[in-house]
Amino acid sequence: MPQPEPDPAVRVRGLVKTYGSTRALDGVDLDIPAGQVLGLLGPNGAGKTTTVRILTTLLRPDSGSAHVAGYDVLAEPDEVRQRIGLSGQYAAVDENLTGFENLYMVGRLYGRKKAAARSRARELLTRFRLEEAADRPAKGYSGGMRRRLDLAGALIAEPTVVVLDEPTTGLDPGGRLDTWEVIKELVADGTTVLLTTQYLEEADQLADSIVVIDHGRVIARGTADELKAQTGGERLELVVASAADLPKTLDVLREVGTGEPAGDAHTRRAEILVDTGPKALIEALRRLDSQGITVQDVGLHRPTLDDVFLSLTGHGASSTEGVSK
């Protein structure tokens, strides 16, 4: 007989939360299988942080249910807290303490004995490449170092589920890449991760599956590839040698693609969505050549998650529409 599917590490059903007349969450459902990363994707005000606060027992929903590591966040909040780690949008470190002192303090707050707290702090400082700065006050750390220290603090209790609420907000590109590597290491060790982000590239890089939320509602879910497929194919882009050839080029693209092509006389660039990929590219080049039109550059591009979000919501992922969190 087939084995039953294991329970997900995180299960959310019908979460609703209102603030006055604003419905911050409007019936959110999501599952995260153990050992995977779920990217919760949405703009400011979509409801991501409200979801995080409920899952980490910091906020009670008006209705619905949520279970983390098998425990009910409403009925068993202490059990949930023992099994989760949380890293918020801003690094929660005490700038007047050293890196070691920050982690040691967190370990003691979790109830670890002195020796165990010291050992775990040193272990995490090494793992997050902070051992050389371990005995310096955190106020001298760079933004990336503070973020790594904050993530280390979230792991003091060796949680089975880690919630990362926009963990790379405010970081430079190097800091973002460092944080991505840390998250990949967590998952390699079997940790389950809920990652909220506005950065579409981040979700594409890290998430096993993605839930797109907008104005408190889930509007799409799937893998990055599945979501990209919803935009209707690939984009054929080309650059012609002469701007005078652009009108004829757009006529050719209409014949091989779907919808209306776009062109820019200044850059001599034209593009259109295509359903047949390489076949459409080859046919476009054949027709352009037969008309004596020289093509300087050509390519097929799969839709990005930016394209997906725009097609799903009608606005970009950096939109600040709405007032929910």
C-alpha atoms as a PDB file:
ATOM      1  CA  MET A   1       0.000   0.000   0.000  1.00  0.00           C
ATOM      2  CA  PRO A   2       1.225   3.521  -0.716  1.00  0.00           C
ATOM      3  CA  GLN A   3       2.535   5.375   2.285  1.00  0.00           C
ATOM      4  CA  PRO A   4       0.477   8.395   3.431  1.00  0.00           C
ATOM      5  CA  GLU A   5       1.912  11.809   2.704  1.00  0.00           C
ATOM      6  CA  PRO A   6       3.730  13.248   5.735  1.00  0.00           C
ATOM      7  CA  ASP A   7       2.174  16.274   7.381  1.00  0.00           C
ATOM      8  CA  PRO A   8       3.654  19.565   6.189  1.00  0.00           C
ATOM      9  CA  ALA A   9       5.953  21.431   8.555  1.00  0.00           C
ATOM     10  CA  VAL A  10       3.668  24.453   8.237  1.00  0.00           C
ATOM     11  CA  ARG A  11      -0.049  24.302   7.467  1.00  0.00           C
ATOM     12  CA  VAL A  12      -2.285  27.365   7.222  1.00  0.00           C
ATOM     13  CA  ARG A  13      -6.001  27.280   6.499  1.00  0.00           C
ATOM     14  CA  GLY A  14      -8.347  30.217   6.006  1.00  0.00           C
ATOM     15  CA  LEU A  15      -6.430  32.874   7.913  1.00  0.00           C
ATOM     16  CA  VAL A  16      -8.354  36.116   8.273  1.00  0.00           C
ATOM     17  CA  LYS A  17      -7.136  39.257  10.034  1.00  0.00           C
ATOM     18  CA  THR A  18      -8.693  42.685   9.956  1.00  0.00           C
ATOM     19  CA  TYR A  19      -7.554  46.055  11.241  1.00  0.00           C
ATOM     20  CA  GLY A  20     -10.628  48.221  11.473  1.00  0.00           C
ATOM     21  CA  SER A  21     -12.131  48.266   7.994  1.00  0.00           C
ATOM     22  CA  THR A  22      -8.953  46.878   6.387  1.00  0.00           C
ATOM     23  CA  ARG A  23      -8.814  43.151   5.684  1.00  0.00           C
ATOM     24  CA  ALA A  24      -5.099  42.413   5.987  1.00  0.00           C
ATOM     25  CA  LEU A  25      -5.596  38.667   5.410  1.00  0.00           C
ATOM     26  CA  ASP A  26      -8.605  37.350   3.550  1.00  0.00           C
ATOM     27  CA  GLY A  27      -8.610  33.548   3.806  1.00  0.00           C
ATOM     28  CA  VAL A  28      -4.959  32.609   3.267  1.00  0.00           C
ATOM     29  CA  ASP A  29      -4.061  28.908   2.794  1.00  0.00           C
ATOM     30  CA  LEU A  30      -0.540  27.547   2.458  1.00  0.00           C
ATOM     31  CA  ASP A  31       1.544  24.420   3.142  1.00  0.00           C
ATOM     32  CA  ILE A  32       5.310  24.025   3.491  1.00  0.00           C
ATOM     33  CA  PRO A  33       6.657  20.450   3.245  1.00  0.00           C
ATOM     34  CA  ALA A  34       9.428  19.637   5.714  1.00  0.00           C
ATOM     35  CA  GLY A  35      12.885  20.602   4.485  1.00  0.00           C
ATOM     36  CA  GLN A  36      11.677  22.971   1.781  1.00  0.00           C
ATOM     37  CA  VAL A  37      11.606  26.723   1.198  1.00  0.00           C
ATOM     38  CA  LEU A  38       8.306  28.448   0.509  1.00  0.00           C
ATOM     39  CA  GLY A  39       8.611  31.914  -0.947  1.00  0.00           C
ATOM     40  CA  LEU A  40       5.753  34.185   0.143  1.00  0.00           C
ATOM     41  CA  LEU A  41       5.859  36.824  -2.525  1.00  0.00           C
ATOM     42  CA  GLY A  42       4.072  40.146  -2.611  1.00  0.00           C
ATOM     43  CA  PRO A  43       4.412  43.932  -2.499  1.00  0.00           C
ATOM     44  CA  ASN A  44       4.378  46.100   0.594  1.00  0.00           C
ATOM     45  CA  GLY A  45       0.923  45.878   2.098  1.00  0.00           C
ATOM     46  CA  ALA A  46       0.135  42.449   0.663  1.00  0.00           C
ATOM     47  CA  GLY A  47      -0.202  40.681   4.032  1.00  0.00           C
ATOM     48  CA  LYS A  48       3.155  38.916   4.275  1.00  0.00           C
ATOM     49  CA  THR A  49       4.214  40.299   7.650  1.00  0.00           C
ATOM     50  CA  THR A  50       0.768  39.716   9.144  1.00  0.00           C
ATOM     51  CA  THR A  51       1.072  36.068   8.130  1.00  0.00           C
ATOM     52  CA  VAL A  52       4.525  35.857   9.714  1.00  0.00           C
ATOM     53  CA  ARG A  53       3.326  37.409  12.977  1.00  0.00           C
ATOM     54  CA  ILE A  54       0.500  34.866  13.240  1.00  0.00           C
ATOM     55  CA  LEU A  55       2.768  31.896  12.493  1.00  0.00           C
ATOM     56  CA  THR A  56       5.264  33.038  15.128  1.00  0.00           C
ATOM     57  CA  THR A  57       2.536  33.480  17.801  1.00  0.00           C
ATOM     58  CA  LEU A  58       2.928  37.265  17.912  1.00  0.00           C
ATOM     59  CA  LEU A  59      -0.580  37.950  16.602  1.00  0.00           C
ATOM     60  CA  ARG A  60      -3.924  36.177  16.819  1.00  0.00           C
ATOM     61  CA  PRO A  61      -5.985  35.790  13.639  1.00  0.00           C
ATOM     62  CA  ASP A  62      -9.676  36.641  13.610  1.00  0.00           C
ATOM     63  CA  SER A  63     -10.400  33.219  12.135  1.00  0.00           C
ATOM     64  CA  GLY A  64      -8.654  30.289  10.491  1.00  0.00           C
ATOM     65  CA  SER A  65      -5.977  27.931  11.767  1.00  0.00           C
ATOM     66  CA  ALA A  66      -2.220  27.532  11.599  1.00  0.00           C
ATOM     67  CA  HIS A  67       0.039  24.661  12.639  1.00  0.00           C
ATOM     68  CA  VAL A  68       3.828  24.830  12.831  1.00  0.00           C
ATOM     69  CA  ALA A  69       5.899  21.670  13.372  1.00  0.00           C
ATOM     70  CA  GLY A  70       2.649  19.896  14.217  1.00  0.00           C
ATOM     71  CA  TYR A  71       1.522  22.358  16.901  1.00  0.00           C
ATOM     72  CA  ASP A  72      -1.406  24.763  16.866  1.00  0.00           C
ATOM     73  CA  VAL A  73      -0.166  28.346  17.068  1.00  0.00           C
ATOM     74  CA  LEU A  74      -3.242  29.371  19.078  1.00  0.00           C
ATOM     75  CA  ALA A  75      -3.665  26.393  21.415  1.00  0.00           C
ATOM     76  CA  GLU A  76       0.027  25.490  21.838  1.00  0.00           C
ATOM     77  CA  PRO A  77       2.059  28.693  21.398  1.00  0.00           C
ATOM     78  CA  ASP A  78       4.848  27.644  23.796  1.00  0.00           C
ATOM     79  CA  GLU A  79       5.444  24.440  21.833  1.00  0.00           C
ATOM     80  CA  VAL A  80       5.574  26.429  18.600  1.00  0.00           C
ATOM     81  CA  ARG A  81       8.065  28.950  20.021  1.00  0.00           C
ATOM     82  CA  GLN A  82      10.430  26.141  21.023  1.00  0.00           C
ATOM     83  CA  ARG A  83      10.582  24.926  17.445  1.00  0.00           C
ATOM     84  CA  ILE A  84      10.886  28.086  15.396  1.00  0.00           C
ATOM     85  CA  GLY A  85      13.490  30.690  14.629  1.00  0.00           C
ATOM     86  CA  LEU A  86      12.582  34.174  13.419  1.00  0.00           C
ATOM     87  CA  SER A  87      14.614  36.765  11.602  1.00  0.00           C
ATOM     88  CA  GLY A  88      12.670  39.936  10.878  1.00  0.00           C
ATOM     89  CA  GLN A  89      13.094  42.719   8.366  1.00  0.00           C
ATOM     90  CA  TYR A  90      15.640  44.494  10.572  1.00  0.00           C
ATOM     91  CA  ALA A  91      18.534  42.810  12.350  1.00  0.00           C
ATOM     92  CA  ALA A  92      17.596  42.404  16.033  1.00  0.00           C
ATOM     93  CA  VAL A  93      21.017  42.737  17.608  1.00  0.00           C
ATOM     94  CA  ASP A  94      22.206  44.700  20.621  1.00  0.00           C
ATOM     95  CA  GLU A  95      24.806  47.067  19.200  1.00  0.00           C
ATOM     96  CA  ASN A  96      26.529  47.518  22.553  1.00  0.00           C
ATOM     97  CA  LEU A  97      27.227  43.798  22.937  1.00  0.00           C
ATOM     98  CA  THR A  98      29.803  41.825  20.987  1.00  0.00           C
ATOM     99  CA  GLY A  99      28.733  39.254  18.440  1.00  0.00           C
ATOM    100  CA  PHE A 100      29.485  36.480  20.931  1.00  0.00           C
ATOM    101  CA  GLU A 101      27.596  38.218  23.730  1.00  0.00           C
ATOM    102  CA  ASN A 102      24.545  38.662  21.508  1.00  0.00           C
ATOM    103  CA  LEU A 103      24.363  34.957  20.718  1.00  0.00           C
ATOM    104  CA  TYR A 104      25.234  33.868  24.249  1.00  0.00           C
ATOM    105  CA  MET A 105      22.418  36.047  25.596  1.00  0.00           C
ATOM    106  CA  VAL A 106      19.910  34.517  23.176  1.00  0.00           C
ATOM    107  CA  GLY A 107      21.053  31.036  24.146  1.00  0.00           C
ATOM    108  CA  ARG A 108      20.524  31.784  27.817  1.00  0.00           C
ATOM    109  CA  LEU A 109      17.075  33.255  27.091  1.00  0.00           C
ATOM    110  CA  TYR A 110      16.206  29.961  25.424  1.00  0.00           C
ATOM    111  CA  GLY A 111      17.121  28.205  28.664  1.00  0.00           C
ATOM    112  CA  ARG A 112      20.490  26.762  27.683  1.00  0.00           C
ATOM    113  CA  LYS A 113      23.047  26.256  30.416  1.00  0.00           C
ATOM    114  CA  LYS A 114      26.077  28.560  30.360  1.00  0.00           C
ATOM    115  CA  ALA A 115      28.483  26.073  28.816  1.00  0.00           C
ATOM    116  CA  ALA A 116      25.973  24.990  26.157  1.00  0.00           C
ATOM    117  CA  ALA A 117      25.116  28.610  25.316  1.00  0.00           C
ATOM    118  CA  ARG A 118      28.811  29.473  24.937  1.00  0.00           C
ATOM    119  CA  SER A 119      29.469  26.435  22.756  1.00  0.00           C
ATOM    120  CA  ARG A 120      26.473  27.085  20.494  1.00  0.00           C
ATOM    121  CA  ALA A 121      27.396  30.772  20.148  1.00  0.00           C
ATOM    122  CA  ARG A 122      30.961  29.953  19.051  1.00  0.00           C
ATOM    123  CA  GLU A 123      29.701  27.267  16.666  1.00  0.00           C
ATOM    124  CA  LEU A 124      27.334  29.693  14.950  1.00  0.00           C
ATOM    125  CA  LEU A 125      29.887  32.497  14.790  1.00  0.00           C
ATOM    126  CA  THR A 126      32.165  30.151  12.876  1.00  0.00           C
ATOM    127  CA  ARG A 127      29.372  28.907  10.628  1.00  0.00           C
ATOM    128  CA  PHE A 128      28.358  32.463   9.695  1.00  0.00           C
ATOM    129  CA  ARG A 129      31.956  33.587   9.133  1.00  0.00           C
ATOM    130  CA  LEU A 130      31.897  35.982  12.089  1.00  0.00           C
ATOM    131  CA  GLU A 131      34.563  34.408  14.293  1.00  0.00           C
ATOM    132  CA  GLU A 132      37.106  37.191  13.610  1.00  0.00           C
ATOM    133  CA  ALA A 133      34.560  39.809  14.691  1.00  0.00           C
ATOM    134  CA  ALA A 134      33.122  37.739  17.558  1.00  0.00           C
ATOM    135  CA  ASP A 135      34.565  39.877  20.333  1.00  0.00           C
ATOM    136  CA  ARG A 136      33.903  43.279  18.732  1.00  0.00           C
ATOM    137  CA  PRO A 137      30.793  45.344  19.552  1.00  0.00           C
ATOM    138  CA  ALA A 138      28.065  44.802  16.971  1.00  0.00           C
ATOM    139  CA  LYS A 139      27.762  48.564  16.383  1.00  0.00           C
ATOM    140  CA  GLY A 140      30.933  48.278  14.295  1.00  0.00           C
ATOM    141  CA  TYR A 141      29.498  45.547  12.055  1.00  0.00           C
ATOM    142  CA  SER A 142      28.504  46.133   8.449  1.00  0.00           C
ATOM    143  CA  GLY A 143      24.881  45.624   7.415  1.00  0.00           C
ATOM    144  CA  GLY A 144      25.686  42.197   6.021  1.00  0.00           C
ATOM    145  CA  MET A 145      27.473  41.157   9.210  1.00  0.00           C
ATOM    146  CA  ARG A 146      24.542  42.279  11.354  1.00  0.00           C
ATOM    147  CA  ARG A 147      22.160  40.308   9.174  1.00  0.00           C
ATOM    148  CA  ARG A 148      24.325  37.187   9.523  1.00  0.00           C
ATOM    149  CA  LEU A 149      24.444  37.696  13.305  1.00  0.00           C
ATOM    150  CA  ASP A 150      20.654  38.053  13.394  1.00  0.00           C
ATOM    151  CA  LEU A 151      20.229  34.848  11.371  1.00  0.00           C
ATOM    152  CA  ALA A 152      22.639  33.078  13.714  1.00  0.00           C
ATOM    153  CA  GLY A 153      20.490  34.190  16.655  1.00  0.00           C
ATOM    154  CA  ALA A 154      17.441  32.683  14.971  1.00  0.00           C
ATOM    155  CA  LEU A 155      19.236  29.321  14.919  1.00  0.00           C
ATOM    156  CA  ILE A 156      20.434  29.203  18.527  1.00  0.00           C
ATOM    157  CA  ALA A 157      17.721  26.736  19.546  1.00  0.00           C
ATOM    158  CA  GLU A 158      18.244  24.555  16.442  1.00  0.00           C
ATOM    159  CA  PRO A 159      14.692  25.170  15.179  1.00  0.00           C
ATOM    160  CA  THR A 160      12.963  22.872  12.731  1.00  0.00           C
ATOM    161  CA  VAL A 161      11.190  25.819  11.081  1.00  0.00           C
ATOM    162  CA  VAL A 162      12.829  29.179  10.347  1.00  0.00           C
ATOM    163  CA  VAL A 163      10.785  32.219   9.345  1.00  0.00           C
ATOM    164  CA  LEU A 164      12.684  34.873   7.414  1.00  0.00           C
ATOM    165  CA  ASP A 165      10.700  38.069   6.927  1.00  0.00           C
ATOM    166  CA  GLU A 166      12.337  39.984   4.064  1.00  0.00           C
ATOM    167  CA  PRO A 167      15.821  39.010   5.298  1.00  0.00           C
ATOM    168  CA  THR A 168      17.785  40.971   2.688  1.00  0.00           C
ATOM    169  CA  THR A 169      15.955  44.297   3.018  1.00  0.00           C
ATOM    170  CA  GLY A 170      18.505  47.108   2.968  1.00  0.00           C
ATOM    171  CA  LEU A 171      21.503  44.911   2.154  1.00  0.00           C
ATOM    172  CA  ASP A 172      23.954  45.624  -0.645  1.00  0.00           C
ATOM    173  CA  PRO A 173      24.371  42.978  -3.398  1.00  0.00           C
ATOM    174  CA  GLY A 174      27.227  41.291  -1.543  1.00  0.00           C
ATOM    175  CA  GLY A 175      25.193  41.071   1.651  1.00  0.00           C
ATOM    176  CA  ARG A 176      22.251  39.622  -0.245  1.00  0.00           C
ATOM    177  CA  LEU A 177      24.425  36.906  -1.779  1.00  0.00           C
ATOM    178  CA  ASP A 178      25.871  36.050   1.638  1.00  0.00           C
ATOM    179  CA  THR A 179      22.360  35.717   3.065  1.00  0.00           C
ATOM    180  CA  TRP A 180      21.285  33.501   0.175  1.00  0.00           C
ATOM    181  CA  GLU A 181      24.178  31.155   0.886  1.00  0.00           C
ATOM    182  CA  VAL A 182      23.169  30.930   4.545  1.00  0.00           C
ATOM    183  CA  ILE A 183      19.589  30.058   3.590  1.00  0.00           C
ATOM    184  CA  LYS A 184      20.789  27.365   1.185  1.00  0.00           C
ATOM    185  CA  GLU A 185      22.903  25.877   3.970  1.00  0.00           C
ATOM    186  CA  LEU A 186      19.893  25.814   6.304  1.00  0.00           C
ATOM    187  CA  VAL A 187      17.837  23.866   3.802  1.00  0.00           C
ATOM    188  CA  ALA A 188      20.704  21.492   3.089  1.00  0.00           C
ATOM    189  CA  ASP A 189      20.635  20.661   6.816  1.00  0.00           C
ATOM    190  CA  GLY A 190      16.915  19.813   6.614  1.00  0.00           C
ATOM    191  CA  THR A 191      15.453  23.042   7.987  1.00  0.00           C
ATOM    192  CA  THR A 192      12.059  24.202   6.722  1.00  0.00           C
ATOM    193  CA  VAL A 193      12.018  27.867   5.694  1.00  0.00           C
ATOM    194  CA  LEU A 194       9.255  30.399   5.146  1.00  0.00           C
ATOM    195  CA  LEU A 195      10.789  33.265   3.202  1.00  0.00           C
ATOM    196  CA  THR A 196       8.851  36.467   2.627  1.00  0.00           C
ATOM    197  CA  THR A 197      10.309  38.773   0.031  1.00  0.00           C
ATOM    198  CA  GLN A 198       9.638  41.544  -2.447  1.00  0.00           C
ATOM    199  CA  TYR A 199      12.680  40.503  -4.475  1.00  0.00           C
ATOM    200  CA  LEU A 200      11.511  38.311  -7.316  1.00  0.00           C
ATOM    201  CA  GLU A 201      15.043  37.123  -8.075  1.00  0.00           C
ATOM    202  CA  GLU A 202      15.356  36.009  -4.450  1.00  0.00           C
ATOM    203  CA  ALA A 203      12.268  33.801  -4.670  1.00  0.00           C
ATOM    204  CA  ASP A 204      13.500  32.400  -7.989  1.00  0.00           C
ATOM    205  CA  GLN A 205      16.901  31.525  -6.494  1.00  0.00           C
ATOM    206  CA  LEU A 206      15.806  30.039  -3.185  1.00  0.00           C
ATOM    207  CA  ALA A 207      12.205  28.823  -3.131  1.00  0.00           C
ATOM    208  CA  ASP A 208      11.054  25.290  -3.903  1.00  0.00           C
ATOM    209  CA  SER A 209       7.572  26.707  -4.327  1.00  0.00           C
ATOM    210  CA  ILE A 210       6.026  30.165  -4.319  1.00  0.00           C
ATOM    211  CA  VAL A 211       2.782  31.645  -3.061  1.00  0.00           C
ATOM    212  CA  VAL A 212       1.900  35.049  -4.475  1.00  0.00           C
ATOM    213  CA  ILE A 213      -0.197  37.184  -2.136  1.00  0.00           C
ATOM    214  CA  ASP A 214      -1.801  40.523  -2.920  1.00  0.00           C
ATOM    215  CA  HIS A 215      -4.211  42.568  -0.775  1.00  0.00           C
ATOM    216  CA  GLY A 216      -4.441  39.700   1.719  1.00  0.00           C
ATOM    217  CA  ARG A 217      -5.365  36.998  -0.780  1.00  0.00           C
ATOM    218  CA  VAL A 218      -3.402  34.212  -2.423  1.00  0.00           C
ATOM    219  CA  ILE A 219      -3.597  34.912  -6.144  1.00  0.00           C
ATOM    220  CA  ALA A 220      -1.233  32.223  -7.442  1.00  0.00           C
ATOM    221  CA  ARG A 221       0.906  29.331  -6.265  1.00  0.00           C
ATOM    222  CA  GLY A 222       3.377  26.914  -7.821  1.00  0.00           C
ATOM    223  CA  THR A 223       7.046  26.542  -8.652  1.00  0.00           C
ATOM    224  CA  ALA A 224       8.871  29.416 -10.318  1.00  0.00           C
ATOM    225  CA  ASP A 225       8.702  27.573 -13.647  1.00  0.00           C
ATOM    226  CA  GLU A 226       4.974  26.922 -13.268  1.00  0.00           C
ATOM    227  CA  LEU A 227       4.279  30.569 -12.519  1.00  0.00           C
ATOM    228  CA  LYS A 228       6.403  31.745 -15.430  1.00  0.00           C
ATOM    229  CA  ALA A 229       4.482  29.443 -17.742  1.00  0.00           C
ATOM    230  CA  GLN A 230       1.306  31.380 -16.915  1.00  0.00           C
ATOM    231  CA  THR A 231       2.527  34.424 -18.829  1.00  0.00           C
ATOM    232  CA  GLY A 232       2.024  32.677 -22.166  1.00  0.00           C
ATOM    233  CA  GLY A 233       5.365  31.631 -23.584  1.00  0.00           C
ATOM    234  CA  GLU A 234       8.741  33.144 -24.317  1.00  0.00           C
ATOM    235  CA  ARG A 235       9.683  36.590 -25.547  1.00  0.00           C
ATOM    236  CA  LEU A 236      11.441  36.952 -28.904  1.00  0.00           C
ATOM    237  CA  GLU A 237      13.671  40.022 -28.942  1.00  0.00           C
ATOM    238  CA  LEU A 238      15.802  41.336 -31.770  1.00  0.00           C
ATOM    239  CA  VAL A 239      17.739  44.407 -32.834  1.00  0.00           C
ATOM    240  CA  VAL A 240      17.833  45.442 -36.492  1.00  0.00           C
ATOM    241  CA  ALA A 241      20.652  47.376 -38.151  1.00  0.00           C
ATOM    242  CA  SER A 242      18.460  50.231 -39.382  1.00  0.00           C
ATOM    243  CA  ALA A 243      15.599  52.004 -37.602  1.00  0.00           C
ATOM    244  CA  ALA A 244      13.983  52.419 -41.029  1.00  0.00           C
ATOM    245  CA  ASP A 245      13.434  48.640 -41.096  1.00  0.00           C
ATOM    246  CA  LEU A 246      11.545  48.601 -37.805  1.00  0.00           C
ATOM    247  CA  PRO A 247       7.998  48.863 -39.267  1.00  0.00           C
ATOM    248  CA  LYS A 248       8.587  45.876 -41.575  1.00  0.00           C
ATOM    249  CA  THR A 249      10.185  44.011 -38.668  1.00  0.00           C
ATOM    250  CA  LEU A 250       7.099  44.538 -36.523  1.00  0.00           C
ATOM    251  CA  ASP A 251       4.932  43.205 -39.377  1.00  0.00           C
ATOM    252  CA  VAL A 252       7.031  40.028 -39.467  1.00  0.00           C
ATOM    253  CA  LEU A 253       6.786  39.594 -35.702  1.00  0.00           C
ATOM    254  CA  ARG A 254       2.999  39.881 -35.869  1.00  0.00           C
ATOM    255  CA  GLU A 255       3.001  36.907 -38.238  1.00  0.00           C
ATOM    256  CA  VAL A 256       5.144  34.644 -36.034  1.00  0.00           C
ATOM    257  CA  GLY A 257       4.116  35.705 -32.535  1.00  0.00           C
ATOM    258  CA  THR A 258       1.061  36.305 -30.404  1.00  0.00           C
ATOM    259  CA  GLY A 259      -0.460  39.657 -29.553  1.00  0.00           C
ATOM    260  CA  GLU A 260       0.960  43.009 -30.560  1.00  0.00           C
ATOM    261  CA  PRO A 261       4.742  43.461 -30.908  1.00  0.00           C
ATOM    262  CA  ALA A 262       6.603  46.335 -29.293  1.00  0.00           C
ATOM    263  CA  GLY A 263       9.264  48.399 -31.001  1.00  0.00           C
ATOM    264  CA  ASP A 264      11.668  51.203 -30.113  1.00  0.00           C
ATOM    265  CA  ALA A 265      13.097  53.229 -33.001  1.00  0.00           C
ATOM    266  CA  HIS A 266      15.839  54.722 -30.804  1.00  0.00           C
ATOM    267  CA  THR A 267      17.324  51.347 -29.854  1.00  0.00           C
ATOM    268  CA  ARG A 268      16.087  49.600 -33.055  1.00  0.00           C
ATOM    269  CA  ARG A 269      14.721  46.874 -30.786  1.00  0.00           C
ATOM    270  CA  ALA A 270      11.548  44.859 -31.366  1.00  0.00           C
ATOM    271  CA  GLU A 271       9.936  42.121 -29.293  1.00  0.00           C
ATOM    272  CA  ILE A 272       6.877  39.884 -29.137  1.00  0.00           C
ATOM    273  CA  LEU A 273       5.585  36.914 -27.135  1.00  0.00           C
ATOM    274  CA  VAL A 274       5.842  33.583 -28.952  1.00  0.00           C
ATOM    275  CA  ASP A 275       4.332  30.168 -28.243  1.00  0.00           C
ATOM    276  CA  THR A 276       6.639  28.076 -30.425  1.00  0.00           C
ATOM    277  CA  GLY A 277      10.012  29.284 -29.142  1.00  0.00           C
ATOM    278  CA  PRO A 278      12.927  28.344 -31.440  1.00  0.00           C
ATOM    279  CA  LYS A 279      10.596  27.672 -34.379  1.00  0.00           C
ATOM    280  CA  ALA A 280       9.268  31.218 -34.187  1.00  0.00           C
ATOM    281  CA  LEU A 281      12.805  32.601 -33.943  1.00  0.00           C
ATOM    282  CA  ILE A 282      13.951  30.658 -37.028  1.00  0.00           C
ATOM    283  CA  GLU A 283      10.874  31.664 -39.017  1.00  0.00           C
ATOM    284  CA  ALA A 284      11.282  35.337 -38.081  1.00  0.00           C
ATOM    285  CA  LEU A 285      14.926  35.327 -39.182  1.00  0.00           C
ATOM    286  CA  ARG A 286      14.025  33.587 -42.457  1.00  0.00           C
ATOM    287  CA  ARG A 287      11.354  36.158 -43.282  1.00  0.00           C
ATOM    288  CA  LEU A 288      13.507  39.117 -42.313  1.00  0.00           C
ATOM    289  CA  ASP A 289      16.384  37.805 -44.428  1.00  0.00           C
ATOM    290  CA  SER A 290      14.082  37.390 -47.425  1.00  0.00           C
ATOM    291  CA  GLN A 291      13.216  41.090 -47.109  1.00  0.00           C
ATOM    292  CA  GLY A 292      16.862  42.117 -46.841  1.00  0.00           C
ATOM    293  CA  ILE A 293      16.584  43.227 -43.207  1.00  0.00           C
ATOM    294  CA  THR A 294      19.827  42.838 -41.257  1.00  0.00           C
ATOM    295  CA  VAL A 295      19.495  41.594 -37.685  1.00  0.00           C
ATOM    296  CA  GLN A 296      22.310  42.551 -35.318  1.00  0.00           C
ATOM    297  CA  ASP A 297      21.118  40.725 -32.225  1.00  0.00           C
ATOM    298  CA  VAL A 298      18.428  38.166 -31.467  1.00  0.00           C
ATOM    299  CA  GLY A 299      17.361  36.067 -28.510  1.00  0.00           C
ATOM    300  CA  LEU A 300      14.605  34.133 -26.784  1.00  0.00           C
ATOM    301  CA  HIS A 301      13.914  34.988 -23.169  1.00  0.00           C
ATOM    302  CA  ARG A 302      11.785  33.099 -20.700  1.00  0.00           C
ATOM    303  CA  PRO A 303       9.427  35.221 -18.601  1.00  0.00           C
ATOM    304  CA  THR A 304      10.858  36.496 -15.348  1.00  0.00           C
ATOM    305  CA  LEU A 305       8.997  36.490 -12.043  1.00  0.00           C
ATOM    306  CA  ASP A 306       8.688  40.257 -12.528  1.00  0.00           C
ATOM    307  CA  ASP A 307       6.668  39.513 -15.670  1.00  0.00           C
ATOM    308  CA  VAL A 308       4.592  36.999 -13.719  1.00  0.00           C
ATOM    309  CA  PHE A 309       3.820  39.410 -10.902  1.00  0.00           C
ATOM    310  CA  LEU A 310       2.863  42.181 -13.289  1.00  0.00           C
ATOM    311  CA  SER A 311       0.557  39.864 -15.232  1.00  0.00           C
ATOM    312  CA  LEU A 312      -1.082  38.583 -12.028  1.00  0.00           C
ATOM    313  CA  THR A 313      -1.561  41.843 -10.159  1.00  0.00           C
ATOM    314  CA  GLY A 314      -1.422  44.598 -12.728  1.00  0.00           C
ATOM    315  CA  HIS A 315       1.300  46.379 -10.747  1.00  0.00           C
ATOM    316  CA  GLY A 316       4.932  45.846  -9.862  1.00  0.00           C
ATOM    317  CA  ALA A 317       6.244  44.038  -6.804  1.00  0.00           C
ATOM    318  CA  SER A 318       7.481  47.288  -5.256  1.00  0.00           C
ATOM    319  CA  SER A 319       3.988  48.767  -5.199  1.00  0.00           C
ATOM    320  CA  THR A 320       2.907  50.209  -1.888  1.00  0.00           C
ATOM    321  CA  GLU A 321      -0.800  50.016  -2.606  1.00  0.00           C
ATOM    322  CA  GLY A 322      -2.907  49.018   0.382  1.00  0.00           C
ATOM    323  CA  VAL A 323      -2.254  49.519   4.054  1.00  0.00           C
ATOM    324  CA  SER A 324      -1.980  45.949   5.340  1.00  0.00           C
ATOM    325  CA  LYS A 325       1.348  44.566   6.409  1.00  0.00           C
END
